[in-house]
């Protein structure tokens, strides 16, 4: 399996011009958008105005975060103005928790315990890491229909259920999907590749530089 890698830089000090990089938006960057020419910038809670400023300053691509979550027309406007290839989607997720309730009306002789979810799903998190209740796969599909060209999924994929969810999303989104850890500093990248079917990885700087030790030898030769 051919695997592509990019680096996820927290700030400009982590950017290496010869390394393919996604750059997290910072307060300093917000004040100096001219520094982002040809960069791929990942937004979290920044506004549509900030995304527009970065795109006008020459950013190669901007990954929208909460601005797109709260108002899907942001995506439509920016795609219309700058083209699909310059508009991405930043999607931090976690497994949606399951709650249980008693159904007492279905039969007077017994109670039925009903789960809130019939199958595991990922839900989108807001800028502060709080669950929003928005199902990630459905939202991503809608945003792709609005013209988003690339999706950056950030998740801590740690068990078989997560791996199955990941594989399903890879199948649905294809080469528009890049996957990065959310908070895990030592993710099982080999499992992501072998069982989650991930072929495009965005790794924090420390992980990117030791990516060869994280994956099976067969995939290392194809790494960027």
N, C-alpha and C. Protein backbone atom coordinates (compact mmCIF):
# COMPACT_ATOMS: atom_id res chain seq x y z
N UNK A 1 0.84 -1.19 0.00
CA UNK A 1 0.00 0.00 0.00
C UNK A 1 0.88 1.25 0.00
N UNK A 2 0.59 2.19 -0.88
CA UNK A 2 1.33 3.44 -0.96
C UNK A 2 0.76 4.43 0.05
N UNK A 3 1.64 4.96 0.91
CA UNK A 3 1.21 5.89 1.96
C UNK A 3 1.91 7.22 1.77
N UNK A 4 1.14 8.30 1.80
CA UNK A 4 1.71 9.65 1.72
C UNK A 4 1.69 10.29 3.10
N UNK A 5 2.71 11.13 3.37
CA UNK A 5 2.85 11.77 4.67
C UNK A 5 2.99 13.27 4.51
N UNK A 6 2.36 13.99 5.43
CA UNK A 6 2.60 15.42 5.59
C UNK A 6 2.87 15.69 7.06
N UNK A 7 3.52 16.82 7.33
CA UNK A 7 3.81 17.24 8.69
C UNK A 7 2.74 18.22 9.15
N UNK A 8 2.32 18.12 10.41
CA UNK A 8 1.38 19.07 11.00
C UNK A 8 2.17 19.99 11.93
N UNK A 9 2.43 21.20 11.47
CA UNK A 9 3.24 22.15 12.23
C UNK A 9 2.36 23.02 13.11
N UNK A 10 2.75 23.19 14.38
CA UNK A 10 2.00 24.04 15.29
C UNK A 10 2.24 25.51 15.04
N UNK A 11 3.41 25.84 14.49
CA UNK A 11 3.77 27.23 14.23
C UNK A 11 4.86 27.28 13.17
N UNK A 12 5.27 28.48 12.79
CA UNK A 12 6.24 28.63 11.71
C UNK A 12 7.61 28.05 12.07
N UNK A 13 7.95 28.00 13.35
CA UNK A 13 9.26 27.46 13.73
C UNK A 13 9.39 25.98 13.40
N UNK A 14 8.26 25.29 13.20
CA UNK A 14 8.30 23.87 12.87
C UNK A 14 8.21 23.61 11.37
N UNK A 15 8.11 24.65 10.58
CA UNK A 15 7.97 24.49 9.14
C UNK A 15 9.33 24.31 8.48
N UNK A 16 9.44 23.24 7.71
CA UNK A 16 10.63 22.99 6.89
C UNK A 16 10.19 23.14 5.44
N UNK A 17 10.80 24.05 4.69
CA UNK A 17 10.33 24.32 3.32
C UNK A 17 10.40 23.12 2.38
N UNK A 18 11.18 22.10 2.73
CA UNK A 18 11.28 20.94 1.85
C UNK A 18 10.36 19.80 2.28
N UNK A 19 9.60 20.03 3.35
CA UNK A 19 8.69 19.00 3.87
C UNK A 19 7.25 19.42 3.61
N UNK A 20 6.42 18.57 3.00
CA UNK A 20 5.00 18.91 2.80
C UNK A 20 4.32 19.09 4.16
N UNK A 21 3.69 20.25 4.36
CA UNK A 21 3.25 20.63 5.70
C UNK A 21 1.85 21.23 5.71
N UNK A 22 1.10 20.88 6.76
CA UNK A 22 -0.12 21.58 7.11
C UNK A 22 0.22 22.46 8.31
N UNK A 23 -0.15 23.72 8.28
CA UNK A 23 0.23 24.67 9.32
C UNK A 23 -0.99 25.08 10.13
N UNK A 24 -0.93 24.86 11.45
CA UNK A 24 -2.03 25.28 12.32
C UNK A 24 -2.07 26.80 12.43
N UNK A 25 -3.27 27.36 12.38
CA UNK A 25 -3.42 28.79 12.50
C UNK A 25 -3.17 29.20 13.95
N UNK A 26 -2.40 30.27 14.14
CA UNK A 26 -2.07 30.78 15.47
C UNK A 26 -2.47 32.25 15.55
N UNK A 27 -2.56 32.82 16.75
CA UNK A 27 -2.86 34.26 16.86
C UNK A 27 -1.87 35.12 16.10
N UNK A 28 -0.60 34.75 16.12
CA UNK A 28 0.41 35.51 15.37
C UNK A 28 0.13 35.45 13.88
N UNK A 29 -0.23 34.27 13.42
CA UNK A 29 -0.52 34.10 12.00
C UNK A 29 -1.72 34.94 11.60
N UNK A 30 -2.68 35.04 12.50
CA UNK A 30 -3.87 35.84 12.20
C UNK A 30 -3.53 37.30 11.98
N UNK A 31 -2.45 37.76 12.62
CA UNK A 31 -2.04 39.15 12.49
C UNK A 31 -1.08 39.37 11.32
N UNK A 32 -0.54 38.26 10.77
CA UNK A 32 0.45 38.36 9.70
C UNK A 32 0.12 37.39 8.57
N UNK A 33 -1.04 37.55 7.94
CA UNK A 33 -1.45 36.59 6.90
C UNK A 33 -0.51 36.55 5.71
N UNK A 34 0.31 37.59 5.51
CA UNK A 34 1.24 37.57 4.38
C UNK A 34 2.32 36.50 4.53
N UNK A 35 2.45 35.93 5.73
CA UNK A 35 3.45 34.90 5.97
C UNK A 35 3.02 33.53 5.45
N UNK A 36 1.79 33.41 4.98
CA UNK A 36 1.25 32.09 4.66
C UNK A 36 1.23 31.78 3.17
N UNK A 37 1.91 32.56 2.38
CA UNK A 37 1.89 32.32 0.94
C UNK A 37 2.29 30.88 0.63
N UNK A 38 1.45 30.20 -0.13
CA UNK A 38 1.65 28.81 -0.55
C UNK A 38 1.51 27.80 0.59
N UNK A 39 1.06 28.24 1.77
CA UNK A 39 0.88 27.32 2.90
C UNK A 39 -0.50 26.69 2.88
N UNK A 40 -0.60 25.52 3.53
CA UNK A 40 -1.88 24.87 3.78
C UNK A 40 -2.22 25.10 5.24
N UNK A 41 -3.19 25.95 5.51
CA UNK A 41 -3.44 26.43 6.87
C UNK A 41 -4.69 25.76 7.45
N UNK A 42 -4.54 25.24 8.68
CA UNK A 42 -5.63 24.55 9.36
C UNK A 42 -6.26 25.48 10.39
N UNK A 43 -7.53 25.80 10.19
CA UNK A 43 -8.26 26.67 11.12
C UNK A 43 -9.04 25.83 12.13
N UNK A 44 -9.28 26.42 13.29
CA UNK A 44 -10.14 25.79 14.31
C UNK A 44 -11.38 26.64 14.50
N UNK A 45 -11.28 27.66 15.35
CA UNK A 45 -12.44 28.51 15.59
C UNK A 45 -12.41 29.82 14.83
N UNK A 46 -11.41 29.99 13.95
CA UNK A 46 -11.28 31.25 13.22
C UNK A 46 -12.45 31.46 12.26
N UNK A 47 -12.72 32.72 11.97
CA UNK A 47 -13.91 33.11 11.23
C UNK A 47 -13.72 33.00 9.71
N UNK A 48 -14.83 33.19 9.01
CA UNK A 48 -14.79 33.26 7.55
C UNK A 48 -13.90 34.41 7.09
N UNK A 49 -13.94 35.53 7.82
CA UNK A 49 -13.09 36.68 7.46
C UNK A 49 -11.62 36.31 7.54
N UNK A 50 -11.24 35.52 8.53
CA UNK A 50 -9.85 35.09 8.66
C UNK A 50 -9.47 34.19 7.50
N UNK A 51 -10.35 33.26 7.15
CA UNK A 51 -10.09 32.38 6.02
C UNK A 51 -9.92 33.18 4.74
N UNK A 52 -10.77 34.17 4.54
CA UNK A 52 -10.68 35.01 3.35
C UNK A 52 -9.37 35.77 3.32
N UNK A 53 -8.96 36.30 4.47
CA UNK A 53 -7.70 37.04 4.56
C UNK A 53 -6.51 36.16 4.19
N UNK A 54 -6.51 34.94 4.68
CA UNK A 54 -5.41 34.01 4.38
C UNK A 54 -5.40 33.64 2.90
N UNK A 55 -6.56 33.39 2.34
CA UNK A 55 -6.65 33.05 0.92
C UNK A 55 -6.21 34.21 0.04
N UNK A 56 -6.61 35.41 0.41
CA UNK A 56 -6.18 36.59 -0.35
C UNK A 56 -4.68 36.83 -0.23
N UNK A 57 -4.11 36.39 0.89
CA UNK A 57 -2.66 36.55 1.10
C UNK A 57 -1.86 35.49 0.36
N UNK A 58 -2.54 34.53 -0.26
CA UNK A 58 -1.84 33.54 -1.06
C UNK A 58 -1.75 32.16 -0.48
N UNK A 59 -2.48 31.88 0.62
CA UNK A 59 -2.48 30.53 1.16
C UNK A 59 -2.90 29.54 0.08
N UNK A 60 -2.17 28.46 -0.01
CA UNK A 60 -2.49 27.44 -1.03
C UNK A 60 -3.84 26.81 -0.76
N UNK A 61 -4.12 26.56 0.53
CA UNK A 61 -5.39 25.93 0.92
C UNK A 61 -5.68 26.31 2.37
N UNK A 62 -6.96 26.47 2.67
CA UNK A 62 -7.40 26.74 4.03
C UNK A 62 -8.40 25.67 4.44
N UNK A 63 -8.14 25.04 5.58
CA UNK A 63 -9.05 24.03 6.11
C UNK A 63 -9.97 24.69 7.13
N UNK A 64 -11.24 24.81 6.79
CA UNK A 64 -12.21 25.46 7.67
C UNK A 64 -12.58 24.57 8.84
N UNK A 65 -12.76 25.18 10.00
CA UNK A 65 -13.15 24.44 11.18
C UNK A 65 -14.56 24.78 11.61
N UNK A 66 -14.69 25.40 12.78
CA UNK A 66 -16.01 25.64 13.35
C UNK A 66 -16.85 26.61 12.53
N UNK A 67 -16.20 27.46 11.76
CA UNK A 67 -16.97 28.38 10.91
C UNK A 67 -17.87 27.62 9.94
N UNK A 68 -17.37 26.52 9.40
CA UNK A 68 -18.17 25.70 8.49
C UNK A 68 -19.22 24.90 9.24
N UNK A 69 -18.90 24.55 10.49
CA UNK A 69 -19.84 23.75 11.29
C UNK A 69 -21.07 24.56 11.66
N UNK A 70 -20.88 25.83 11.94
CA UNK A 70 -21.99 26.67 12.36
C UNK A 70 -22.75 27.29 11.19
N UNK A 71 -22.10 27.34 10.02
CA UNK A 71 -22.75 27.97 8.86
C UNK A 71 -22.19 27.36 7.57
N UNK A 72 -22.93 26.44 6.99
CA UNK A 72 -22.45 25.74 5.79
C UNK A 72 -22.32 26.66 4.59
N UNK A 73 -22.99 27.82 4.61
CA UNK A 73 -22.90 28.73 3.47
C UNK A 73 -21.50 29.36 3.36
N UNK A 74 -20.74 29.31 4.47
CA UNK A 74 -19.34 29.76 4.41
C UNK A 74 -18.59 28.97 3.36
N UNK A 75 -18.78 27.66 3.37
CA UNK A 75 -18.11 26.79 2.40
C UNK A 75 -18.53 27.16 0.98
N UNK A 76 -19.82 27.32 0.78
CA UNK A 76 -20.33 27.64 -0.55
C UNK A 76 -19.72 28.94 -1.08
N UNK A 77 -19.68 29.95 -0.23
CA UNK A 77 -19.14 31.25 -0.66
C UNK A 77 -17.64 31.15 -1.00
N UNK A 78 -16.88 30.48 -0.14
CA UNK A 78 -15.44 30.42 -0.36
C UNK A 78 -15.09 29.54 -1.56
N UNK A 79 -15.81 28.45 -1.73
CA UNK A 79 -15.59 27.61 -2.91
C UNK A 79 -15.89 28.40 -4.18
N UNK A 80 -16.97 29.16 -4.17
CA UNK A 80 -17.33 29.97 -5.34
C UNK A 80 -16.26 31.02 -5.63
N UNK A 81 -15.70 31.60 -4.57
CA UNK A 81 -14.74 32.69 -4.75
C UNK A 81 -13.34 32.20 -5.09
N UNK A 82 -12.94 31.04 -4.52
CA UNK A 82 -11.53 30.64 -4.64
C UNK A 82 -11.32 29.26 -5.29
N UNK A 83 -12.38 28.51 -5.45
CA UNK A 83 -12.25 27.20 -6.06
C UNK A 83 -12.15 26.09 -5.03
N UNK A 84 -12.68 24.94 -5.39
CA UNK A 84 -12.73 23.79 -4.49
C UNK A 84 -11.37 23.35 -4.02
N UNK A 85 -10.36 23.45 -4.91
CA UNK A 85 -9.03 22.95 -4.57
C UNK A 85 -8.35 23.75 -3.47
N UNK A 86 -8.87 24.93 -3.14
CA UNK A 86 -8.26 25.75 -2.09
C UNK A 86 -9.04 25.73 -0.78
N UNK A 87 -10.14 24.98 -0.75
CA UNK A 87 -10.98 24.94 0.44
C UNK A 87 -11.02 23.51 0.99
N UNK A 88 -10.55 23.38 2.23
CA UNK A 88 -10.59 22.10 2.92
C UNK A 88 -11.47 22.18 4.16
N UNK A 89 -11.59 21.04 4.83
CA UNK A 89 -12.42 20.94 6.02
C UNK A 89 -11.61 20.29 7.13
N UNK A 90 -11.55 20.93 8.29
CA UNK A 90 -10.86 20.40 9.46
C UNK A 90 -11.89 19.78 10.39
N UNK A 91 -11.79 18.47 10.64
CA UNK A 91 -12.83 17.75 11.37
C UNK A 91 -12.23 16.98 12.55
N UNK A 92 -12.19 17.59 13.75
CA UNK A 92 -11.79 16.83 14.94
C UNK A 92 -12.97 16.00 15.44
N UNK A 93 -12.72 14.73 15.78
CA UNK A 93 -13.83 13.85 16.15
C UNK A 93 -13.48 12.98 17.36
N UNK A 94 -14.54 12.44 17.95
CA UNK A 94 -14.39 11.38 18.95
C UNK A 94 -15.60 10.47 18.83
N UNK A 95 -15.52 9.29 19.42
CA UNK A 95 -16.64 8.37 19.41
C UNK A 95 -17.81 8.97 20.18
N UNK A 96 -18.97 8.94 19.59
CA UNK A 96 -20.15 9.47 20.28
C UNK A 96 -20.57 8.50 21.38
N UNK A 97 -20.81 9.03 22.56
CA UNK A 97 -21.18 8.18 23.68
C UNK A 97 -22.60 7.65 23.51
N UNK A 98 -22.83 6.48 24.09
CA UNK A 98 -24.14 5.84 24.01
C UNK A 98 -24.83 5.95 25.36
N UNK A 99 -26.04 6.44 25.36
CA UNK A 99 -26.85 6.48 26.58
C UNK A 99 -27.99 5.47 26.45
N UNK A 100 -28.54 5.08 27.60
CA UNK A 100 -29.62 4.08 27.61
C UNK A 100 -30.84 4.64 28.32
N UNK A 101 -32.00 4.27 27.83
CA UNK A 101 -33.24 4.73 28.45
C UNK A 101 -34.25 3.59 28.53
N UNK A 102 -35.15 3.69 29.48
CA UNK A 102 -36.21 2.69 29.63
C UNK A 102 -37.45 3.15 28.87
N UNK A 103 -37.95 2.28 28.01
CA UNK A 103 -39.21 2.52 27.31
C UNK A 103 -40.32 1.78 28.06
N UNK A 104 -41.22 2.53 28.66
CA UNK A 104 -42.25 1.91 29.51
C UNK A 104 -43.60 1.80 28.83
N UNK A 105 -43.76 2.38 27.65
CA UNK A 105 -45.07 2.41 27.02
C UNK A 105 -45.30 1.27 26.04
N UNK A 106 -44.23 0.57 25.65
CA UNK A 106 -44.38 -0.42 24.59
C UNK A 106 -45.13 -1.66 25.07
N UNK A 107 -44.98 -1.98 26.36
CA UNK A 107 -45.69 -3.15 26.88
C UNK A 107 -45.85 -2.97 28.39
N UNK A 108 -47.04 -3.15 28.88
CA UNK A 108 -47.28 -2.89 30.30
C UNK A 108 -46.64 -3.94 31.20
N UNK A 109 -46.26 -5.08 30.64
CA UNK A 109 -45.70 -6.16 31.46
C UNK A 109 -44.18 -6.07 31.65
N UNK A 110 -43.48 -5.33 30.78
CA UNK A 110 -42.03 -5.24 30.92
C UNK A 110 -41.53 -3.94 30.31
N UNK A 111 -40.32 -3.56 30.70
CA UNK A 111 -39.67 -2.36 30.17
C UNK A 111 -38.63 -2.75 29.13
N UNK A 112 -38.46 -1.90 28.14
CA UNK A 112 -37.46 -2.11 27.10
C UNK A 112 -36.34 -1.11 27.28
N UNK A 113 -35.10 -1.60 27.33
CA UNK A 113 -33.95 -0.72 27.43
C UNK A 113 -33.49 -0.37 26.02
N UNK A 114 -33.48 0.94 25.71
CA UNK A 114 -33.19 1.39 24.36
C UNK A 114 -31.91 2.23 24.32
N UNK A 115 -30.96 1.87 23.44
CA UNK A 115 -29.75 2.69 23.32
C UNK A 115 -30.01 3.93 22.47
N UNK A 116 -29.24 4.99 22.72
CA UNK A 116 -29.40 6.21 21.93
C UNK A 116 -28.83 6.05 20.53
N UNK A 117 -27.91 5.10 20.34
CA UNK A 117 -27.31 4.84 19.03
C UNK A 117 -27.45 3.37 18.69
N UNK A 118 -27.75 3.08 17.43
CA UNK A 118 -27.84 1.69 16.99
C UNK A 118 -26.50 1.17 16.50
N UNK A 119 -25.59 2.07 16.17
CA UNK A 119 -24.25 1.68 15.72
C UNK A 119 -23.27 2.77 16.10
N UNK A 120 -21.99 2.41 16.26
CA UNK A 120 -20.99 3.41 16.65
C UNK A 120 -20.81 4.47 15.57
N UNK A 121 -20.61 5.70 16.01
CA UNK A 121 -20.35 6.80 15.08
C UNK A 121 -19.33 7.74 15.71
N UNK A 122 -18.64 8.48 14.86
CA UNK A 122 -17.83 9.59 15.31
C UNK A 122 -18.68 10.85 15.28
N UNK A 123 -18.49 11.73 16.29
CA UNK A 123 -19.13 13.03 16.25
C UNK A 123 -18.08 14.12 16.20
N UNK A 124 -18.45 15.24 15.62
CA UNK A 124 -17.55 16.38 15.46
C UNK A 124 -17.41 17.10 16.80
N UNK A 125 -16.18 17.55 17.10
CA UNK A 125 -15.91 18.33 18.30
C UNK A 125 -15.80 19.80 17.94
N UNK A 126 -16.14 20.67 18.89
CA UNK A 126 -15.97 22.09 18.64
C UNK A 126 -14.53 22.51 18.95
N UNK A 127 -14.26 23.80 18.86
CA UNK A 127 -12.91 24.31 19.04
C UNK A 127 -12.32 23.96 20.40
N UNK A 128 -13.17 23.84 21.41
CA UNK A 128 -12.71 23.55 22.77
C UNK A 128 -12.70 22.06 23.09
N UNK A 129 -12.99 21.24 22.08
CA UNK A 129 -12.99 19.80 22.29
C UNK A 129 -14.28 19.23 22.84
N UNK A 130 -15.32 20.03 22.87
CA UNK A 130 -16.61 19.56 23.38
C UNK A 130 -17.41 18.91 22.26
N UNK A 131 -18.15 17.84 22.56
CA UNK A 131 -18.95 17.18 21.53
C UNK A 131 -20.10 18.07 21.06
N UNK A 132 -20.37 18.02 19.76
CA UNK A 132 -21.42 18.85 19.18
C UNK A 132 -22.68 18.05 18.86
N UNK A 133 -22.59 16.73 18.85
CA UNK A 133 -23.73 15.91 18.45
C UNK A 133 -23.84 15.74 16.94
N UNK A 134 -22.97 16.41 16.17
CA UNK A 134 -23.00 16.31 14.71
C UNK A 134 -22.23 15.07 14.28
N UNK A 135 -22.87 14.20 13.55
CA UNK A 135 -22.22 12.97 13.10
C UNK A 135 -21.23 13.29 11.98
N UNK A 136 -20.00 12.87 12.20
CA UNK A 136 -18.91 13.29 11.32
C UNK A 136 -19.10 12.83 9.88
N UNK A 137 -19.40 11.56 9.67
CA UNK A 137 -19.49 11.03 8.31
C UNK A 137 -20.56 11.75 7.50
N UNK A 138 -21.72 11.98 8.13
CA UNK A 138 -22.81 12.66 7.42
C UNK A 138 -22.45 14.10 7.09
N UNK A 139 -21.81 14.79 8.06
CA UNK A 139 -21.44 16.18 7.84
C UNK A 139 -20.38 16.31 6.76
N UNK A 140 -19.39 15.44 6.79
CA UNK A 140 -18.36 15.46 5.76
C UNK A 140 -18.98 15.28 4.38
N UNK A 141 -19.90 14.35 4.27
CA UNK A 141 -20.55 14.11 2.98
C UNK A 141 -21.28 15.35 2.48
N UNK A 142 -21.97 16.04 3.38
CA UNK A 142 -22.67 17.27 3.00
C UNK A 142 -21.67 18.33 2.55
N UNK A 143 -20.57 18.48 3.27
CA UNK A 143 -19.58 19.49 2.93
C UNK A 143 -18.89 19.18 1.59
N UNK A 144 -18.70 17.92 1.30
CA UNK A 144 -18.15 17.55 -0.02
C UNK A 144 -19.13 17.96 -1.12
N UNK A 145 -20.41 17.81 -0.87
CA UNK A 145 -21.41 18.23 -1.84
C UNK A 145 -21.42 19.74 -2.02
N UNK A 146 -21.03 20.46 -0.97
CA UNK A 146 -20.92 21.92 -1.05
C UNK A 146 -19.63 22.35 -1.77
N UNK A 147 -18.75 21.41 -2.06
CA UNK A 147 -17.57 21.72 -2.85
C UNK A 147 -16.24 21.63 -2.15
N UNK A 148 -16.21 21.22 -0.88
CA UNK A 148 -14.93 21.05 -0.18
C UNK A 148 -14.03 20.09 -0.95
N UNK A 149 -12.76 20.48 -1.12
CA UNK A 149 -11.86 19.67 -1.93
C UNK A 149 -11.04 18.66 -1.15
N UNK A 150 -10.82 18.92 0.14
CA UNK A 150 -9.98 18.06 0.98
C UNK A 150 -10.52 18.04 2.39
N UNK A 151 -10.39 16.90 3.06
CA UNK A 151 -10.84 16.76 4.44
C UNK A 151 -9.67 16.32 5.31
N UNK A 152 -9.43 17.05 6.40
CA UNK A 152 -8.46 16.64 7.41
C UNK A 152 -9.21 16.14 8.62
N UNK A 153 -9.22 14.83 8.81
CA UNK A 153 -9.86 14.21 9.96
C UNK A 153 -8.84 14.05 11.07
N UNK A 154 -9.17 14.53 12.26
CA UNK A 154 -8.29 14.36 13.42
C UNK A 154 -9.00 13.50 14.45
N UNK A 155 -8.41 12.33 14.72
CA UNK A 155 -9.06 11.35 15.60
C UNK A 155 -8.01 10.54 16.33
N UNK A 156 -8.34 10.10 17.53
CA UNK A 156 -7.51 9.14 18.24
C UNK A 156 -8.10 7.76 17.99
N UNK A 157 -7.54 7.07 17.01
CA UNK A 157 -8.06 5.78 16.56
C UNK A 157 -7.37 4.70 17.38
N UNK A 158 -8.11 4.11 18.32
CA UNK A 158 -7.44 3.28 19.32
C UNK A 158 -7.98 1.86 19.46
N UNK A 159 -9.07 1.51 18.78
CA UNK A 159 -9.58 0.15 18.90
C UNK A 159 -10.22 -0.27 17.58
N UNK A 160 -10.72 -1.50 17.56
CA UNK A 160 -11.27 -2.05 16.32
C UNK A 160 -12.46 -1.25 15.81
N UNK A 161 -13.27 -0.73 16.72
CA UNK A 161 -14.43 0.05 16.29
C UNK A 161 -13.99 1.31 15.56
N UNK A 162 -13.00 2.01 16.14
CA UNK A 162 -12.47 3.20 15.47
C UNK A 162 -11.85 2.86 14.13
N UNK A 163 -11.14 1.75 14.08
CA UNK A 163 -10.50 1.34 12.82
C UNK A 163 -11.55 1.06 11.76
N UNK A 164 -12.66 0.44 12.15
CA UNK A 164 -13.73 0.17 11.19
C UNK A 164 -14.39 1.47 10.71
N UNK A 165 -14.59 2.42 11.64
CA UNK A 165 -15.14 3.71 11.25
C UNK A 165 -14.20 4.42 10.28
N UNK A 166 -12.91 4.32 10.56
CA UNK A 166 -11.92 4.96 9.69
C UNK A 166 -11.93 4.33 8.31
N UNK A 167 -11.92 3.01 8.25
CA UNK A 167 -11.92 2.32 6.95
C UNK A 167 -13.16 2.68 6.14
N UNK A 168 -14.29 2.80 6.80
CA UNK A 168 -15.51 3.18 6.09
C UNK A 168 -15.42 4.59 5.53
N UNK A 169 -14.81 5.50 6.30
CA UNK A 169 -14.69 6.88 5.83
C UNK A 169 -13.68 6.97 4.68
N UNK A 170 -12.60 6.20 4.77
CA UNK A 170 -11.63 6.16 3.67
C UNK A 170 -12.31 5.69 2.39
N UNK A 171 -13.14 4.66 2.52
CA UNK A 171 -13.85 4.14 1.35
C UNK A 171 -14.79 5.19 0.76
N UNK A 172 -15.46 5.96 1.62
CA UNK A 172 -16.43 6.94 1.14
C UNK A 172 -15.78 8.20 0.56
N UNK A 173 -14.71 8.66 1.21
CA UNK A 173 -14.11 9.95 0.84
C UNK A 173 -12.95 9.79 -0.14
N UNK A 174 -12.27 8.66 -0.09
CA UNK A 174 -11.18 8.40 -1.03
C UNK A 174 -9.97 9.28 -0.81
N UNK A 175 -9.36 9.72 -1.91
CA UNK A 175 -8.10 10.46 -1.80
C UNK A 175 -8.28 11.92 -1.38
N UNK A 176 -9.52 12.30 -1.06
CA UNK A 176 -9.74 13.64 -0.49
C UNK A 176 -9.50 13.65 1.03
N UNK A 177 -9.29 12.47 1.62
CA UNK A 177 -9.19 12.35 3.06
C UNK A 177 -7.75 12.24 3.53
N UNK A 178 -7.38 13.11 4.49
CA UNK A 178 -6.13 13.00 5.23
C UNK A 178 -6.49 12.76 6.69
N UNK A 179 -5.68 11.95 7.38
CA UNK A 179 -5.99 11.58 8.76
C UNK A 179 -4.81 11.96 9.66
N UNK A 180 -5.13 12.56 10.81
CA UNK A 180 -4.11 12.97 11.78
C UNK A 180 -4.57 12.60 13.19
N UNK A 181 -3.63 12.38 14.11
CA UNK A 181 -4.02 12.17 15.50
C UNK A 181 -4.68 13.42 16.07
N UNK A 182 -5.54 13.21 17.06
CA UNK A 182 -6.17 14.34 17.74
C UNK A 182 -5.33 14.77 18.95
N UNK A 183 -5.15 13.87 19.91
CA UNK A 183 -4.33 14.19 21.10
C UNK A 183 -3.28 13.13 21.38
N UNK A 184 -3.43 11.95 20.81
CA UNK A 184 -2.54 10.83 21.09
C UNK A 184 -1.13 11.14 20.59
N UNK A 185 -0.14 11.06 21.49
CA UNK A 185 1.25 11.34 21.11
C UNK A 185 1.98 10.09 20.63
N UNK A 186 1.34 8.94 20.77
CA UNK A 186 1.97 7.70 20.32
C UNK A 186 0.92 6.79 19.66
N UNK A 187 0.32 7.26 18.59
CA UNK A 187 -0.76 6.49 17.97
C UNK A 187 -0.24 5.25 17.26
N UNK A 188 -1.07 4.20 17.17
CA UNK A 188 -0.67 2.97 16.48
C UNK A 188 -0.80 3.12 14.96
N UNK A 189 0.12 3.87 14.38
CA UNK A 189 0.03 4.22 12.96
C UNK A 189 -0.02 2.99 12.06
N UNK A 190 0.74 1.95 12.42
CA UNK A 190 0.72 0.74 11.59
C UNK A 190 -0.68 0.15 11.49
N UNK A 191 -1.42 0.17 12.60
CA UNK A 191 -2.80 -0.34 12.57
C UNK A 191 -3.69 0.58 11.74
N UNK A 192 -3.45 1.89 11.82
CA UNK A 192 -4.23 2.82 11.01
C UNK A 192 -4.10 2.46 9.53
N UNK A 193 -2.88 2.12 9.13
CA UNK A 193 -2.62 1.80 7.73
C UNK A 193 -3.17 0.43 7.36
N UNK A 194 -2.87 -0.56 8.18
CA UNK A 194 -3.22 -1.94 7.85
C UNK A 194 -4.71 -2.21 7.98
N UNK A 195 -5.35 -1.67 9.02
CA UNK A 195 -6.75 -2.01 9.30
C UNK A 195 -7.71 -0.84 9.08
N UNK A 196 -7.21 0.38 9.27
CA UNK A 196 -8.05 1.55 9.01
C UNK A 196 -7.99 2.00 7.58
N UNK A 197 -7.10 1.37 6.78
CA UNK A 197 -6.97 1.65 5.34
C UNK A 197 -6.51 3.08 5.04
N UNK A 198 -5.85 3.73 6.00
CA UNK A 198 -5.38 5.10 5.79
C UNK A 198 -4.22 5.12 4.82
N UNK A 199 -4.29 5.98 3.83
CA UNK A 199 -3.20 6.10 2.85
C UNK A 199 -2.59 7.50 2.82
N UNK A 200 -3.20 8.44 3.57
CA UNK A 200 -2.67 9.81 3.62
C UNK A 200 -2.67 10.28 5.07
N UNK A 201 -1.47 10.44 5.62
CA UNK A 201 -1.30 10.74 7.05
C UNK A 201 -0.69 12.11 7.25
N UNK A 202 -1.23 12.84 8.22
CA UNK A 202 -0.66 14.11 8.64
C UNK A 202 -0.22 13.93 10.09
N UNK A 203 1.10 14.01 10.33
CA UNK A 203 1.64 13.71 11.64
C UNK A 203 2.28 14.94 12.27
N UNK A 204 2.05 15.16 13.57
CA UNK A 204 2.77 16.22 14.27
C UNK A 204 4.27 16.07 14.06
N UNK A 205 4.99 17.17 14.16
CA UNK A 205 6.39 17.21 13.77
C UNK A 205 7.22 16.08 14.37
N UNK A 206 7.09 15.84 15.67
CA UNK A 206 7.89 14.80 16.32
C UNK A 206 7.60 13.43 15.74
N UNK A 207 6.33 13.14 15.45
CA UNK A 207 5.97 11.85 14.86
C UNK A 207 6.40 11.77 13.41
N UNK A 208 6.28 12.88 12.69
CA UNK A 208 6.65 12.88 11.28
C UNK A 208 8.12 12.48 11.10
N UNK A 209 8.97 12.99 11.95
CA UNK A 209 10.41 12.73 11.79
C UNK A 209 10.81 11.32 12.19
N UNK A 210 9.92 10.61 12.87
CA UNK A 210 10.23 9.20 13.17
C UNK A 210 9.18 8.25 12.57
N UNK A 211 8.56 8.71 11.49
CA UNK A 211 7.50 7.93 10.86
C UNK A 211 8.00 6.58 10.37
N UNK A 212 9.27 6.48 10.00
CA UNK A 212 9.82 5.23 9.48
C UNK A 212 9.81 4.14 10.54
N UNK A 213 9.86 4.51 11.81
CA UNK A 213 9.85 3.51 12.88
C UNK A 213 8.44 3.15 13.31
N UNK A 214 7.44 3.84 12.78
CA UNK A 214 6.06 3.64 13.21
C UNK A 214 5.27 2.73 12.29
N UNK A 215 5.80 2.47 11.09
CA UNK A 215 5.03 1.74 10.09
C UNK A 215 5.81 0.53 9.63
N UNK A 216 5.10 -0.46 9.08
CA UNK A 216 5.78 -1.64 8.54
C UNK A 216 6.78 -1.24 7.45
N UNK A 217 7.86 -1.98 7.36
CA UNK A 217 8.90 -1.67 6.40
C UNK A 217 8.36 -1.58 4.97
N UNK A 218 7.34 -2.37 4.68
CA UNK A 218 6.81 -2.38 3.30
C UNK A 218 6.23 -1.03 2.91
N UNK A 219 5.76 -0.24 3.89
CA UNK A 219 5.17 1.04 3.55
C UNK A 219 6.16 2.20 3.64
N UNK A 220 7.29 1.97 4.30
CA UNK A 220 8.24 3.06 4.50
C UNK A 220 8.81 3.57 3.18
N UNK A 221 9.04 2.67 2.25
CA UNK A 221 9.67 3.06 0.99
C UNK A 221 8.81 4.02 0.20
N UNK A 222 7.51 4.04 0.47
CA UNK A 222 6.61 4.92 -0.30
C UNK A 222 6.37 6.24 0.40
N UNK A 223 6.96 6.42 1.59
CA UNK A 223 6.73 7.64 2.34
C UNK A 223 7.42 8.81 1.70
N UNK A 224 6.78 9.98 1.83
CA UNK A 224 7.38 11.21 1.32
C UNK A 224 8.43 11.68 2.30
